[in-house]
Protein backbone atom coordinates (compact mmCIF):
# COMPACT_ATOMS: atom_id res chain seq x y z
CA UNK A 1 49.61 113.73 164.07
CA UNK A 2 51.24 110.40 164.24
CA UNK A 3 54.31 110.37 166.15
CA UNK A 4 56.71 107.49 165.99
CA UNK A 5 60.26 106.98 167.07
CA UNK A 6 62.61 106.67 164.07
CA UNK A 7 65.76 105.50 165.74
CA UNK A 8 64.92 101.89 164.96
CA UNK A 9 64.39 102.71 161.29
CA UNK A 10 67.69 104.73 161.21
CA UNK A 11 69.46 101.73 162.71
CA UNK A 12 68.01 99.40 160.10
CA UNK A 13 69.02 101.86 157.32
CA UNK A 14 72.54 102.01 158.70
CA UNK A 15 72.81 98.23 158.78
CA UNK A 16 71.43 98.02 155.19
CA UNK A 17 73.83 100.69 154.02
CA UNK A 18 76.70 99.00 155.70
CA UNK A 19 75.74 95.76 154.12
CA UNK A 20 75.49 97.41 150.70
CA UNK A 21 78.81 99.12 151.09
CA UNK A 22 80.49 95.93 152.26
CA UNK A 23 79.06 94.03 149.28
CA UNK A 24 80.17 96.87 146.99
CA UNK A 25 83.70 96.70 148.43
CA UNK A 26 83.67 92.92 148.13
CA UNK A 27 82.56 93.22 144.43
CA UNK A 28 85.38 95.75 143.77
CA UNK A 29 87.97 93.41 145.27
CA UNK A 30 86.69 90.47 143.28
CA UNK A 31 86.82 92.60 140.05
CA UNK A 32 90.29 93.61 140.91
CA UNK A 33 91.37 90.04 141.34
CA UNK A 34 89.64 89.02 138.11
CA UNK A 35 91.34 91.70 136.10
CA UNK A 36 94.71 90.85 137.62
CA UNK A 37 94.26 87.23 136.63
CA UNK A 38 92.97 88.16 133.09
CA UNK A 39 95.95 90.38 132.68
CA UNK A 40 98.40 87.65 133.71
CA UNK A 41 96.75 85.11 131.37
CA UNK A 42 96.18 87.33 128.39
CA UNK A 43 98.29 90.47 128.43
CA UNK A 44 101.53 88.94 129.78
CA UNK A 45 101.87 86.31 127.03
CA UNK A 46 101.14 88.99 124.34
CA UNK A 47 103.73 91.28 125.88
CA UNK A 48 106.27 88.43 125.96
CA UNK A 49 105.43 87.75 122.25
CA UNK A 50 105.92 91.44 121.38
CA UNK A 51 109.31 91.44 123.29
CA UNK A 52 110.40 88.37 121.28
CA UNK A 53 109.34 90.12 118.08
CA UNK A 54 111.35 93.21 119.08
CA UNK A 55 114.46 91.17 120.03
CA UNK A 56 114.28 89.27 116.71
CA UNK A 57 113.96 92.60 114.84
CA UNK A 58 116.79 94.26 116.65
CA UNK A 59 119.29 91.26 116.46
CA UNK A 60 118.15 89.55 113.24
CA UNK A 61 118.44 86.34 115.21
CA UNK A 62 115.62 84.24 113.72
CA UNK A 63 116.40 81.33 116.00
CA UNK A 64 114.69 83.10 118.97
CA UNK A 65 111.27 81.61 119.91
CA UNK A 66 108.35 82.89 121.95
CA UNK A 67 107.40 80.71 124.75
CA UNK A 68 103.83 79.63 125.71
CA UNK A 69 102.49 76.42 127.18
CA UNK A 70 98.84 77.34 127.05
CA UNK A 71 96.35 75.66 124.76
CA UNK A 72 94.06 78.67 124.41
CA UNK A 73 94.00 81.33 121.62
CA UNK A 74 97.16 82.90 122.97
CA UNK A 75 98.98 79.66 122.64
CA UNK A 76 97.71 79.33 118.98
CA UNK A 77 99.01 82.81 118.22
CA UNK A 78 102.44 81.98 119.80
CA UNK A 79 102.70 78.71 117.91
CA UNK A 80 101.76 80.34 114.61
CA UNK A 81 104.40 83.07 115.35
CA UNK A 82 107.02 80.42 115.92
CA UNK A 83 106.06 78.44 112.81
CA UNK A 84 106.30 81.71 110.84
CA UNK A 85 109.80 82.12 112.26
CA UNK A 86 110.75 78.54 111.24
CA UNK A 87 109.64 79.25 107.67
CA UNK A 88 111.47 82.52 107.57
CA UNK A 89 114.68 80.87 108.84
CA UNK A 90 114.27 78.19 106.09
CA UNK A 91 113.80 80.84 103.40
CA UNK A 92 116.93 82.76 104.64
CA UNK A 93 118.93 79.48 104.58
CA UNK A 94 117.72 78.83 101.00
CA UNK A 95 118.70 82.46 100.05
CA UNK A 96 122.12 81.97 101.56
CA UNK A 97 122.63 78.74 99.64
CA UNK A 98 121.56 80.43 96.41
CA UNK A 99 123.99 83.32 97.03
CA UNK A 100 126.79 80.82 97.70
CA UNK A 101 126.02 78.86 94.51
CA UNK A 102 125.90 82.25 92.55
CA UNK A 103 129.22 83.25 93.95
CA UNK A 104 130.78 79.89 93.07
CA UNK A 105 129.34 80.22 89.60
CA UNK A 106 130.70 83.74 89.12
CA UNK A 107 134.14 82.65 90.31
CA UNK A 108 134.14 79.72 87.87
CA UNK A 109 132.83 81.94 85.08
CA UNK A 110 135.52 84.60 85.70
CA UNK A 111 138.19 81.90 85.58
CA UNK A 112 136.78 80.41 82.37
CA UNK A 113 136.58 83.82 80.74
CA UNK A 114 140.02 84.88 81.86
CA UNK A 115 141.82 81.75 80.61
CA UNK A 116 141.26 82.35 76.81
CA UNK A 117 141.67 86.06 77.32
CA UNK A 118 145.23 85.47 78.81
CA UNK A 119 146.21 83.48 75.81
CA UNK A 120 144.99 86.15 73.44
CA UNK A 121 146.80 88.90 75.31
CA UNK A 122 149.99 86.97 75.60
CA UNK A 123 150.23 86.07 71.90
CA UNK A 124 149.17 89.57 70.95
CA UNK A 125 151.97 91.10 72.98
CA UNK A 126 154.45 88.70 71.34
CA UNK A 127 153.18 89.67 67.89
CA UNK A 128 153.39 93.40 68.75
CA UNK A 129 156.97 92.99 69.96
CA UNK A 130 157.89 91.28 66.69
CA UNK A 131 159.79 88.37 68.43
CA UNK A 132 158.02 85.67 66.31
CA UNK A 133 159.07 84.17 63.04
CA UNK A 134 156.63 83.36 60.24
CA UNK A 135 155.41 79.91 61.47
CA UNK A 136 155.25 81.16 65.18
CA UNK A 137 153.15 84.16 63.91
CA UNK A 138 150.78 81.81 62.11
CA UNK A 139 150.55 79.69 65.30
CA UNK A 140 149.94 82.88 67.37
CA UNK A 141 147.19 84.10 65.14
CA UNK A 142 145.52 80.63 65.16
CA UNK A 143 145.74 80.54 68.91
CA UNK A 144 144.31 84.04 69.25
CA UNK A 145 141.43 83.13 67.01
CA UNK A 146 140.71 79.81 68.68
CA UNK A 147 140.72 81.43 72.19
CA UNK A 148 138.58 84.36 70.96
CA UNK A 149 135.95 81.92 69.57
CA UNK A 150 136.10 79.91 72.85
CA UNK A 151 135.39 83.10 74.83
CA UNK A 152 132.62 84.07 72.38
CA UNK A 153 130.98 80.66 72.94
CA UNK A 154 131.31 81.08 76.73
CA UNK A 155 129.70 84.64 76.54
CA UNK A 156 126.90 83.25 74.29
CA UNK A 157 126.20 80.48 76.77
CA UNK A 158 126.19 82.91 79.52
CA UNK A 159 123.72 85.16 77.70
CA UNK A 160 121.46 82.05 76.97
CA UNK A 161 121.46 81.18 80.65
CA UNK A 162 120.58 84.77 81.56
CA UNK A 163 117.63 84.65 79.01
CA UNK A 164 116.37 81.41 80.40
CA UNK A 165 116.58 82.57 84.03
CA UNK A 166 114.83 85.79 83.25
CA UNK A 167 112.10 83.86 81.45
CA UNK A 168 112.88 85.09 77.92
CA UNK A 169 114.42 82.11 76.12
CA UNK A 170 115.08 82.94 72.51
CA UNK A 171 116.21 81.02 69.44
CA UNK A 172 119.21 82.09 67.44
């Protein structure tokens, strides 16, 4: 039988195991530091972008912008998001302008339609009450006819515009 003292071998094994354990702890610490840095550089800007999107959705304030100074892929996404918001704000402004023009058009149209109608109603009331002599009655009927024709032309013009806008222009 060979007999040998193993204390020296156990000591070497303990040193080796301690070294491996130390290296393992050092690797875990380095991995933790790397993930923290990656989170700060990738996840944080994305979370800020998501927060900006939520704020825009909640407030309908399309002037809010996401901030990022980086030149990496995250910066590209943030710049694209901000450019999309710029185009959306421009489209909303065009829509507001179109609605304002439409409202002005409708106000003018109602005034133009009401003017001949008022003359027709006024002369018709006077005829109904019988307060007009023969020549005044003739003048009243001519005025009613002229204003009814003017209103008919306005309505036909409006219908023509409606057909053109809807893409169905027709010839009469």
